[in-house]
């Protein structure tokens, strides 16, 4: 079975779940958590790019990310 590659490392995500109160985290749970977070983060990134382009910039600023996350 080929290995899946993920943008977000699974160990920190498992740590987040552990810090949230989980006693143990399965590899499959970390995989699914990674996929869901990646989808959410990609949506925010696309919105931030649109905001920066709308204001005539090529650089994404902190405010663009915050505004995109609120939408």
C-alpha atoms as a PDB file:
ATOM      1  CA  UNK A   1       0.000   0.000   0.000  1.00  0.00           C
ATOM      2  CA  UNK A   2       1.512   3.363  -0.982  1.00  0.00           C
ATOM      3  CA  UNK A   3       2.161   5.880   1.753  1.00  0.00           C
ATOM      4  CA  UNK A   4      -0.012   8.956   1.864  1.00  0.00           C
ATOM      5  CA  UNK A   5       1.756  12.251   2.063  1.00  0.00           C
ATOM      6  CA  UNK A   6       0.235  15.021   4.073  1.00  0.00           C
ATOM      7  CA  UNK A   7       0.946  18.718   4.212  1.00  0.00           C
ATOM      8  CA  UNK A   8       0.346  18.866   7.962  1.00  0.00           C
ATOM      9  CA  UNK A   9       2.423  16.431  10.060  1.00  0.00           C
ATOM     10  CA  UNK A  10       0.350  13.936  12.009  1.00  0.00           C
ATOM     11  CA  UNK A  11       2.346  13.940  15.278  1.00  0.00           C
ATOM     12  CA  UNK A  12       1.499  17.563  16.166  1.00  0.00           C
ATOM     13  CA  UNK A  13      -2.146  16.902  15.300  1.00  0.00           C
ATOM     14  CA  UNK A  14      -2.197  13.872  17.586  1.00  0.00           C
ATOM     15  CA  UNK A  15      -0.675  16.085  20.291  1.00  0.00           C
ATOM     16  CA  UNK A  16      -3.461  18.628  19.772  1.00  0.00           C
ATOM     17  CA  UNK A  17      -6.054  15.881  20.252  1.00  0.00           C
ATOM     18  CA  UNK A  18      -4.196  14.627  23.344  1.00  0.00           C
ATOM     19  CA  UNK A  19      -4.055  18.146  24.785  1.00  0.00           C
ATOM     20  CA  UNK A  20      -7.807  18.405  24.164  1.00  0.00           C
ATOM     21  CA  UNK A  21      -8.321  15.456  26.498  1.00  0.00           C
ATOM     22  CA  UNK A  22      -7.894  12.283  24.421  1.00  0.00           C
ATOM     23  CA  UNK A  23      -6.064   9.514  26.242  1.00  0.00           C
ATOM     24  CA  UNK A  24      -4.983   7.845  22.998  1.00  0.00           C
ATOM     25  CA  UNK A  25      -5.180   8.797  19.327  1.00  0.00           C
ATOM     26  CA  UNK A  26      -5.240   6.223  16.534  1.00  0.00           C
ATOM     27  CA  UNK A  27      -3.272   6.717  13.337  1.00  0.00           C
ATOM     28  CA  UNK A  28      -6.537   6.756  11.376  1.00  0.00           C
ATOM     29  CA  UNK A  29      -7.937   9.513  13.599  1.00  0.00           C
ATOM     30  CA  UNK A  30      -4.819  11.611  13.020  1.00  0.00           C
ATOM     31  CA  UNK A  31      -5.140  10.989   9.256  1.00  0.00           C
ATOM     32  CA  UNK A  32      -8.764  12.131   9.152  1.00  0.00           C
ATOM     33  CA  UNK A  33      -8.020  15.124  11.379  1.00  0.00           C
ATOM     34  CA  UNK A  34      -5.191  16.076   9.006  1.00  0.00           C
ATOM     35  CA  UNK A  35      -7.429  15.803   5.928  1.00  0.00           C
ATOM     36  CA  UNK A  36     -10.175  17.925   7.483  1.00  0.00           C
ATOM     37  CA  UNK A  37      -7.767  20.610   8.696  1.00  0.00           C
ATOM     38  CA  UNK A  38      -6.039  20.685   5.315  1.00  0.00           C
ATOM     39  CA  UNK A  39      -9.374  21.326   3.581  1.00  0.00           C
ATOM     40  CA  UNK A  40     -10.226  24.135   5.995  1.00  0.00           C
ATOM     41  CA  UNK A  41      -6.771  25.722   5.741  1.00  0.00           C
ATOM     42  CA  UNK A  42      -6.781  25.571   1.937  1.00  0.00           C
ATOM     43  CA  UNK A  43     -10.149  27.379   1.859  1.00  0.00           C
ATOM     44  CA  UNK A  44      -8.820  30.110   4.157  1.00  0.00           C
ATOM     45  CA  UNK A  45      -5.680  30.437   2.029  1.00  0.00           C
ATOM     46  CA  UNK A  46      -7.700  30.833  -1.179  1.00  0.00           C
ATOM     47  CA  UNK A  47      -9.869  33.509   0.425  1.00  0.00           C
ATOM     48  CA  UNK A  48      -6.789  35.337   1.741  1.00  0.00           C
ATOM     49  CA  UNK A  49      -5.262  35.354  -1.748  1.00  0.00           C
ATOM     50  CA  UNK A  50      -8.480  36.814  -3.169  1.00  0.00           C
ATOM     51  CA  UNK A  51      -8.506  39.518  -0.486  1.00  0.00           C
ATOM     52  CA  UNK A  52      -4.888  40.475  -1.199  1.00  0.00           C
ATOM     53  CA  UNK A  53      -5.515  40.568  -4.971  1.00  0.00           C
ATOM     54  CA  UNK A  54      -8.649  42.668  -4.455  1.00  0.00           C
ATOM     55  CA  UNK A  55      -6.604  45.289  -2.634  1.00  0.00           C
ATOM     56  CA  UNK A  56      -3.955  45.254  -5.368  1.00  0.00           C
ATOM     57  CA  UNK A  57      -1.273  43.364  -3.444  1.00  0.00           C
ATOM     58  CA  UNK A  58       0.700  40.225  -4.182  1.00  0.00           C
ATOM     59  CA  UNK A  59       1.701  39.769  -0.546  1.00  0.00           C
ATOM     60  CA  UNK A  60      -0.714  38.186   1.904  1.00  0.00           C
ATOM     61  CA  UNK A  61      -0.778  40.014   5.232  1.00  0.00           C
ATOM     62  CA  UNK A  62      -1.869  38.934   8.679  1.00  0.00           C
ATOM     63  CA  UNK A  63      -5.123  40.842   8.335  1.00  0.00           C
ATOM     64  CA  UNK A  64      -5.961  38.969   5.139  1.00  0.00           C
ATOM     65  CA  UNK A  65      -5.698  35.654   6.960  1.00  0.00           C
ATOM     66  CA  UNK A  66      -7.791  36.903   9.891  1.00  0.00           C
ATOM     67  CA  UNK A  67     -10.465  38.299   7.580  1.00  0.00           C
ATOM     68  CA  UNK A  68     -10.531  35.111   5.486  1.00  0.00           C
ATOM     69  CA  UNK A  69     -10.870  32.974   8.616  1.00  0.00           C
ATOM     70  CA  UNK A  70     -13.881  35.020   9.783  1.00  0.00           C
ATOM     71  CA  UNK A  71     -15.731  34.552   6.482  1.00  0.00           C
END
